[in-house]
């Protein structure tokens, strides 16, 4: 919330003074045109337009000074614009001071033009001698000037507050974006070493089996996987087609370790699905989790199922594996699902969801998210 009040900059007051004088000069020029036109229509001796303009301009010098004074006051103390009672109090003070001054100024100028200006007393008498209409018009000019200055200062202060609020909102959004990006990078930093650790475990098992050819194939698969992981981790989204290819390479690497026991069925990889987008390395933790809680729990073939489905704007991913009573010898830390849920939240907010549960003796992971990246 913006609460600090900024005093007017010294460079802004001369500019404001120049603007006020220019506005009053234009008003005086318009008024002089009317008076000069009236004198021409009446015929006889007529003063020049320049002289008429000078009479108007000097008579409104006091209102120019009042305009600048009110502007400087409200600019220095914008809190005075915050309530009607404060504005009313300021108006009553200005009217009480400048209305008599305007009448005295008019009386002084009249006596000066007549050549009878001899002191303060005649000026006061001349001011009091003016008709009630001219006294009322003096109050009208003071009121009009005050209202105009208050309107300009209120608009200027409202705009300043709006710009400050917008800057604050922009700064907050930038900060939140930076924090979200840091969180995403931290998640990726945790995910990729985790994946690399498990892939190296698979290859080390091959090396211990003393099967050099199979181990070499595993290293080649790992090289391809790491190349994709390095390229994809620099992007916020990749194509579903790329992610599915990465999943195939990952399963090929794991198949070197598990052999024919690794059975994974993938369904629904239609063109509509493959045309979609998703965060990179999203599927691998889910498959790894299924492997750990399926193959690592028994000696039988696995039964891991992956299913894709797409509508006009939504992508669904279903991963399931048998939920037996046997516990995995390598249960892990439970990072995969937590990181996947966090990455979906960062990428799509409330537009994506990850649900887990048991259904018909199987552990099920269901993901629903937009078919395309938010910026597409």
Protein backbone atom coordinates (compact mmCIF):
# COMPACT_ATOMS: atom_id res chain seq x y z
CA UNK A 1 0.00 0.00 0.00
CA UNK A 2 1.33 3.45 -0.90
CA UNK A 3 1.16 5.83 2.06
CA UNK A 4 4.15 8.12 1.60
CA UNK A 5 3.44 11.57 0.23
CA UNK A 6 6.02 12.97 -2.15
CA UNK A 7 6.61 16.75 -1.96
CA UNK A 8 6.59 18.64 -5.24
CA UNK A 9 9.88 18.59 -7.04
CA UNK A 10 11.47 22.06 -7.39
CA UNK A 11 11.57 21.68 -11.16
CA UNK A 12 7.81 21.09 -11.35
CA UNK A 13 6.72 24.37 -9.74
CA UNK A 14 8.17 26.72 -12.41
CA UNK A 15 6.50 24.59 -15.05
CA UNK A 16 3.20 24.80 -13.16
CA UNK A 17 3.57 28.58 -12.80
CA UNK A 18 4.21 28.96 -16.52
CA UNK A 19 1.16 26.80 -17.33
CA UNK A 20 -1.10 28.81 -14.99
CA UNK A 21 0.03 32.14 -16.46
CA UNK A 22 -0.50 30.79 -19.96
CA UNK A 23 -4.05 29.60 -19.18
CA UNK A 24 -5.01 32.93 -17.60
CA UNK A 25 -3.42 34.78 -20.53
CA UNK A 26 -5.65 32.87 -22.95
CA UNK A 27 -8.73 33.61 -20.81
CA UNK A 28 -7.81 37.30 -20.68
CA UNK A 29 -7.27 37.36 -24.44
CA UNK A 30 -10.74 35.90 -24.97
CA UNK A 31 -12.30 38.41 -22.53
CA UNK A 32 -10.52 41.33 -24.20
CA UNK A 33 -11.87 40.25 -27.59
CA UNK A 34 -15.42 40.55 -26.25
CA UNK A 35 -14.89 43.99 -24.70
CA UNK A 36 -13.09 45.32 -27.77
CA UNK A 37 -15.88 44.06 -30.03
CA UNK A 38 -18.51 45.77 -27.85
CA UNK A 39 -16.70 49.10 -28.04
CA UNK A 40 -16.40 48.85 -31.82
CA UNK A 41 -20.13 48.20 -32.12
CA UNK A 42 -20.96 51.21 -29.97
CA UNK A 43 -18.84 53.42 -32.24
CA UNK A 44 -16.94 56.51 -31.21
CA UNK A 45 -13.54 56.36 -29.52
CA UNK A 46 -12.30 52.84 -29.08
CA UNK A 47 -9.22 51.66 -27.23
CA UNK A 48 -6.89 49.28 -29.04
CA UNK A 49 -7.16 45.55 -28.50
CA UNK A 50 -3.64 45.46 -27.02
CA UNK A 51 -4.62 48.05 -24.41
CA UNK A 52 -7.83 46.15 -23.63
CA UNK A 53 -5.88 42.92 -23.26
CA UNK A 54 -3.41 44.61 -20.88
CA UNK A 55 -6.28 45.84 -18.69
CA UNK A 56 -7.67 42.32 -18.44
CA UNK A 57 -4.30 40.72 -17.80
CA UNK A 58 -3.20 43.06 -14.97
CA UNK A 59 -6.61 42.79 -13.28
CA UNK A 60 -6.23 38.99 -13.10
CA UNK A 61 -2.67 38.92 -11.79
CA UNK A 62 -4.00 38.38 -8.27
CA UNK A 63 -6.02 35.34 -9.40
CA UNK A 64 -2.92 33.99 -11.14
CA UNK A 65 -1.02 34.27 -7.86
CA UNK A 66 -3.90 32.62 -6.01
CA UNK A 67 -4.02 29.77 -8.55
CA UNK A 68 -0.32 29.08 -8.15
CA UNK A 69 -0.50 29.30 -4.36
CA UNK A 70 -3.38 26.80 -4.17
CA UNK A 71 -1.64 24.48 -6.62
CA UNK A 72 1.61 24.53 -4.63
CA UNK A 73 -0.28 23.93 -1.37
CA UNK A 74 -2.32 20.97 -2.58
CA UNK A 75 0.67 19.47 -4.37
CA UNK A 76 2.78 19.68 -1.21
CA UNK A 77 -0.05 18.39 1.00
CA UNK A 78 -2.19 16.00 -1.07
CA UNK A 79 -3.79 14.75 2.15
CA UNK A 80 -5.83 17.98 2.13
CA UNK A 81 -7.63 16.59 -0.93
CA UNK A 82 -8.59 13.45 0.93
CA UNK A 83 -11.83 14.67 2.51
CA UNK A 84 -14.63 17.11 1.77
CA UNK A 85 -14.35 18.96 5.14
CA UNK A 86 -10.68 19.74 4.46
CA UNK A 87 -11.43 21.02 0.97
CA UNK A 88 -14.34 23.12 2.30
CA UNK A 89 -12.17 24.60 5.04
CA UNK A 90 -9.51 25.51 2.48
CA UNK A 91 -12.14 27.11 0.25
CA UNK A 92 -13.59 29.24 3.05
CA UNK A 93 -10.10 30.46 3.94
CA UNK A 94 -9.26 31.30 0.32
CA UNK A 95 -12.62 33.02 -0.25
CA UNK A 96 -12.27 35.05 2.96
CA UNK A 97 -8.80 36.25 1.97
CA UNK A 98 -8.85 36.65 -1.81
CA UNK A 99 -12.37 38.01 -2.40
CA UNK A 100 -11.64 41.25 -0.46
CA UNK A 101 -8.16 41.38 -2.01
CA UNK A 102 -9.68 41.12 -5.49
CA UNK A 103 -12.07 43.99 -4.71
CA UNK A 104 -9.23 46.10 -3.32
CA UNK A 105 -7.12 45.31 -6.40
CA UNK A 106 -9.96 46.42 -8.71
CA UNK A 107 -10.43 49.64 -6.71
CA UNK A 108 -6.70 50.39 -6.76
CA UNK A 109 -6.47 49.90 -10.54
CA UNK A 110 -9.51 52.17 -11.06
CA UNK A 111 -7.97 54.96 -9.00
CA UNK A 112 -4.63 54.50 -10.74
CA UNK A 113 -6.22 54.85 -14.17
CA UNK A 114 -8.04 58.02 -13.01
CA UNK A 115 -4.84 59.43 -11.53
CA UNK A 116 -6.36 59.79 -8.03
CA UNK A 117 -4.45 57.00 -6.23
CA UNK A 118 -3.23 58.69 -3.02
CA UNK A 119 -3.31 56.06 -0.25
CA UNK A 120 -4.99 53.02 1.24
CA UNK A 121 -8.15 54.76 2.47
CA UNK A 122 -9.34 55.80 -1.03
CA UNK A 123 -8.65 52.27 -2.26
CA UNK A 124 -10.87 50.81 0.50
CA UNK A 125 -13.60 53.37 -0.27
CA UNK A 126 -13.44 52.49 -3.98
CA UNK A 127 -13.70 48.78 -3.19
CA UNK A 128 -16.70 49.29 -0.93
CA UNK A 129 -18.36 51.53 -3.51
CA UNK A 130 -18.48 48.73 -6.08
CA UNK A 131 -21.93 47.32 -6.67
CA UNK A 132 -23.12 44.07 -5.10
CA UNK A 133 -23.04 42.48 -8.54
CA UNK A 134 -19.29 43.12 -8.86
CA UNK A 135 -18.74 41.93 -5.30
CA UNK A 136 -20.59 38.77 -6.19
CA UNK A 137 -18.56 38.38 -9.40
CA UNK A 138 -15.34 38.70 -7.38
CA UNK A 139 -16.52 35.77 -5.22
CA UNK A 140 -17.46 33.84 -8.38
CA UNK A 141 -14.00 34.28 -9.90
CA UNK A 142 -12.31 33.19 -6.67
CA UNK A 143 -14.61 30.17 -6.40
CA UNK A 144 -14.14 29.22 -10.05
CA UNK A 145 -10.36 29.47 -9.70
CA UNK A 146 -10.29 27.41 -6.51
CA UNK A 147 -12.55 24.68 -7.94
CA UNK A 148 -10.45 24.46 -11.12
CA UNK A 149 -7.20 24.11 -9.14
CA UNK A 150 -8.72 21.48 -6.82
CA UNK A 151 -10.00 19.52 -9.81
CA UNK A 152 -6.59 19.57 -11.50
CA UNK A 153 -4.73 18.64 -8.29
CA UNK A 154 -7.22 15.85 -7.49
CA UNK A 155 -6.86 14.40 -10.99
CA UNK A 156 -3.06 14.68 -10.79
CA UNK A 157 -2.93 13.04 -7.35
CA UNK A 158 -5.32 10.28 -8.43
CA UNK A 159 -3.18 9.58 -11.46
CA UNK A 160 -0.02 9.57 -9.33
CA UNK A 161 -1.58 7.09 -6.92
CA UNK A 162 -2.79 4.91 -9.78
CA UNK A 163 0.66 4.89 -11.38
CA UNK A 164 2.25 4.08 -8.01
CA UNK A 165 -0.24 1.25 -7.50
CA UNK A 166 0.42 -0.08 -10.99
CA UNK A 167 4.17 0.06 -10.40
CA UNK A 168 3.69 -1.74 -7.10
CA UNK A 169 1.55 -4.40 -8.78
CA UNK A 170 4.09 -4.76 -11.58
CA UNK A 171 6.93 -5.12 -9.08
CA UNK A 172 4.93 -7.69 -7.12
CA UNK A 173 4.18 -9.68 -10.27
CA UNK A 174 7.83 -9.58 -11.34
CA UNK A 175 8.88 -10.74 -7.88
CA UNK A 176 6.34 -13.54 -7.90
CA UNK A 177 7.43 -14.58 -11.39
CA UNK A 178 11.06 -14.66 -10.30
CA UNK A 179 10.15 -16.71 -7.24
CA UNK A 180 8.10 -19.13 -9.35
CA UNK A 181 10.96 -19.48 -11.81
CA UNK A 182 13.38 -20.15 -8.96
CA UNK A 183 11.02 -22.77 -7.57
CA UNK A 184 10.73 -24.39 -10.98
CA UNK A 185 14.50 -24.42 -11.41
CA UNK A 186 14.86 -25.91 -7.93
CA UNK A 187 12.36 -28.64 -8.78
CA UNK A 188 14.19 -29.39 -12.00
CA UNK A 189 17.47 -29.42 -10.14
CA UNK A 190 16.06 -32.00 -7.74
CA UNK A 191 14.37 -34.03 -10.47
CA UNK A 192 17.20 -34.37 -12.99
CA UNK A 193 19.89 -35.66 -10.57
CA UNK A 194 17.24 -38.02 -9.18
CA UNK A 195 16.57 -39.38 -12.68
CA UNK A 196 20.31 -39.58 -13.43
CA UNK A 197 20.94 -41.47 -10.20
CA UNK A 198 18.35 -44.12 -11.08
CA UNK A 199 19.58 -44.44 -14.67
CA UNK A 200 23.15 -44.98 -13.44
CA UNK A 201 21.85 -47.58 -11.04
CA UNK A 202 20.35 -49.47 -13.98
CA UNK A 203 23.63 -49.38 -15.90
CA UNK A 204 25.69 -50.37 -12.86
CA UNK A 205 23.51 -53.46 -12.51
CA UNK A 206 24.36 -54.33 -16.12
CA UNK A 207 28.08 -53.84 -15.51
CA UNK A 208 27.94 -56.13 -12.48
CA UNK A 209 26.28 -58.77 -14.67
CA UNK A 210 29.49 -58.74 -16.79
CA UNK A 211 27.49 -58.30 -20.00
CA UNK A 212 29.63 -55.69 -21.75
CA UNK A 213 27.50 -55.46 -24.90
CA UNK A 214 24.29 -54.84 -23.00
CA UNK A 215 26.06 -52.38 -20.71
CA UNK A 216 27.34 -50.47 -23.77
CA UNK A 217 23.80 -50.33 -25.18
CA UNK A 218 22.69 -48.97 -21.83
CA UNK A 219 25.31 -46.23 -21.92
CA UNK A 220 24.18 -45.26 -25.43
CA UNK A 221 20.56 -45.08 -24.26
CA UNK A 222 21.62 -43.03 -21.26
CA UNK A 223 23.52 -40.62 -23.51
CA UNK A 224 20.40 -40.05 -25.62
CA UNK A 225 18.30 -39.55 -22.50
CA UNK A 226 20.70 -37.06 -20.98
CA UNK A 227 20.88 -35.12 -24.25
CA UNK A 228 17.10 -34.77 -24.27
CA UNK A 229 16.98 -33.93 -20.54
CA UNK A 230 19.60 -31.21 -21.02
CA UNK A 231 17.79 -29.64 -23.97
CA UNK A 232 14.27 -29.99 -22.56
CA UNK A 233 15.13 -28.69 -19.09
CA UNK A 234 15.86 -25.27 -20.61
CA UNK A 235 12.26 -25.07 -21.89
CA UNK A 236 9.04 -24.63 -19.98
CA UNK A 237 7.07 -26.94 -22.29
CA UNK A 238 7.81 -29.68 -24.80
CA UNK A 239 5.61 -31.57 -27.23
CA UNK A 240 3.82 -34.69 -26.02
CA UNK A 241 5.41 -36.46 -28.99
CA UNK A 242 8.91 -35.59 -27.67
CA UNK A 243 8.02 -36.68 -24.17
CA UNK A 244 6.64 -39.98 -25.42
CA UNK A 245 9.85 -40.61 -27.38
CA UNK A 246 11.85 -39.86 -24.25
CA UNK A 247 9.65 -42.30 -22.35
CA UNK A 248 10.32 -45.00 -24.96
CA UNK A 249 14.08 -44.43 -24.62
CA UNK A 250 13.82 -44.54 -20.85
CA UNK A 251 11.90 -47.81 -20.95
CA UNK A 252 14.45 -49.24 -23.39
CA UNK A 253 17.17 -48.46 -20.85
CA UNK A 254 15.18 -50.01 -18.02
CA UNK A 255 14.41 -53.03 -20.17
CA UNK A 256 18.15 -53.77 -20.25
CA UNK A 257 17.92 -54.12 -16.49
CA UNK A 258 14.57 -55.88 -16.06
CA UNK A 259 14.48 -57.81 -19.33
CA UNK A 260 11.20 -59.33 -20.47
CA UNK A 261 9.63 -58.70 -17.05
CA UNK A 262 9.18 -55.03 -17.98
CA UNK A 263 5.73 -54.82 -19.55
CA UNK A 264 4.29 -51.35 -20.15
CA UNK A 265 1.24 -50.70 -22.30
CA UNK A 266 0.74 -47.22 -23.79
CA UNK A 267 -2.66 -46.34 -25.24
CA UNK A 268 -4.24 -43.29 -26.81
CA UNK A 269 -1.17 -41.77 -28.48
CA UNK A 270 -3.31 -40.31 -31.25
CA UNK A 271 -2.43 -37.32 -33.38
CA UNK A 272 -4.62 -35.08 -31.22
CA UNK A 273 -2.68 -36.16 -28.14
CA UNK A 274 0.74 -35.94 -29.77
CA UNK A 275 -0.02 -32.38 -30.94
CA UNK A 276 -0.28 -31.22 -27.32
CA UNK A 277 2.29 -29.75 -24.93
CA UNK A 278 3.44 -30.59 -21.43
CA UNK A 279 6.20 -29.68 -18.96
CA UNK A 280 9.42 -31.60 -19.77
CA UNK A 281 10.33 -34.80 -17.88
CA UNK A 282 6.82 -35.04 -16.47
CA UNK A 283 6.12 -38.69 -17.29
CA UNK A 284 9.43 -40.25 -16.25
CA UNK A 285 8.92 -39.86 -12.45
CA UNK A 286 5.46 -41.45 -12.76
CA UNK A 287 6.81 -44.48 -14.65
CA UNK A 288 9.75 -44.74 -12.28
CA UNK A 289 7.34 -44.71 -9.35
CA UNK A 290 5.27 -47.47 -10.99
CA UNK A 291 8.38 -49.56 -11.64
CA UNK A 292 9.52 -49.26 -8.05
CA UNK A 293 6.16 -50.34 -6.67
CA UNK A 294 5.58 -53.09 -9.23
CA UNK A 295 8.70 -54.86 -10.52
CA UNK A 296 10.75 -54.25 -7.39
CA UNK A 297 8.09 -55.96 -5.28
CA UNK A 298 7.98 -59.37 -7.03
CA UNK A 299 9.59 -61.58 -9.67
CA UNK A 300 6.67 -61.62 -12.08
CA UNK A 301 6.20 -59.46 -15.19
CA UNK A 302 5.01 -55.94 -14.59
CA UNK A 303 1.59 -54.63 -15.48
CA UNK A 304 2.06 -50.88 -15.93
CA UNK A 305 -0.51 -49.03 -18.00
CA UNK A 306 -0.24 -45.55 -19.50
CA UNK A 307 -3.22 -43.99 -21.26
CA UNK A 308 -3.57 -40.63 -22.99
CA UNK A 309 -6.79 -38.85 -23.93
CA UNK A 310 -7.40 -35.44 -25.46
CA UNK A 311 -10.37 -33.16 -25.98
CA UNK A 312 -10.43 -29.82 -27.75
CA UNK A 313 -8.41 -28.10 -25.03
CA UNK A 314 -7.66 -30.68 -22.32
CA UNK A 315 -5.11 -33.48 -21.99
CA UNK A 316 -5.57 -36.43 -19.63
CA UNK A 317 -2.82 -38.84 -18.58
CA UNK A 318 -3.56 -42.06 -16.70
CA UNK A 319 -0.77 -44.16 -15.13
CA UNK A 320 -1.50 -47.24 -13.04
CA UNK A 321 0.25 -50.27 -11.59
CA UNK A 322 -0.82 -53.17 -9.34
CA UNK A 323 -0.98 -52.24 -5.66
CA UNK A 324 0.17 -55.41 -3.96
CA UNK A 325 0.80 -55.91 -0.27
CA UNK A 326 4.55 -56.47 -0.79
CA UNK A 327 6.70 -53.43 -0.18
CA UNK A 328 9.41 -52.28 -2.55
CA UNK A 329 13.00 -52.87 -1.52
CA UNK A 330 13.66 -49.35 -2.84
CA UNK A 331 10.64 -47.32 -1.73
CA UNK A 332 12.25 -43.94 -2.44
CA UNK A 333 11.49 -40.66 -0.73
CA UNK A 334 8.16 -39.95 -2.38
CA UNK A 335 9.62 -37.03 -4.36
CA UNK A 336 8.25 -38.02 -7.77
CA UNK A 337 4.56 -37.36 -7.17
CA UNK A 338 5.17 -34.27 -5.03
CA UNK A 339 7.43 -32.74 -7.64
CA UNK A 340 5.03 -33.57 -10.44
CA UNK A 341 2.14 -31.92 -8.60
CA UNK A 342 4.29 -28.86 -7.83
CA UNK A 343 5.42 -28.53 -11.46
CA UNK A 344 1.83 -28.71 -12.69
CA UNK A 345 0.85 -26.00 -10.22
CA UNK A 346 3.69 -23.78 -11.39
CA UNK A 347 2.94 -24.35 -15.06
CA UNK A 348 -0.87 -24.13 -15.06
CA UNK A 349 -2.06 -22.99 -11.62
CA UNK A 350 -5.60 -24.19 -10.99
CA UNK A 351 -5.87 -25.23 -14.63
CA UNK A 352 -4.21 -28.59 -13.91
CA UNK A 353 -4.75 -31.30 -11.32
CA UNK A 354 -3.03 -34.51 -10.21
CA UNK A 355 -5.02 -37.12 -8.31
CA UNK A 356 -3.85 -40.41 -6.86
CA UNK A 357 -5.70 -43.31 -5.28
CA UNK A 358 -6.48 -47.01 -5.25
CA UNK A 359 -8.98 -48.39 -7.73
CA UNK A 360 -9.70 -52.07 -8.41
CA UNK A 361 -6.48 -53.16 -6.75
CA UNK A 362 -4.32 -50.73 -8.68
CA UNK A 363 -2.54 -47.55 -7.70
CA UNK A 364 -3.76 -44.85 -10.11
CA UNK A 365 -2.31 -41.45 -11.03
CA UNK A 366 -4.61 -39.21 -13.05
CA UNK A 367 -3.40 -35.92 -14.53
CA UNK A 368 -5.64 -33.36 -16.21
CA UNK A 369 -4.14 -30.24 -17.74
CA UNK A 370 -4.49 -27.91 -20.75
CA UNK A 371 -3.70 -29.49 -24.10
CA UNK A 372 -1.45 -26.59 -25.08
CA UNK A 373 1.00 -24.38 -23.21
CA UNK A 374 -0.54 -21.16 -21.76
CA UNK A 375 1.42 -18.92 -24.15
CA UNK A 376 0.21 -20.71 -27.29
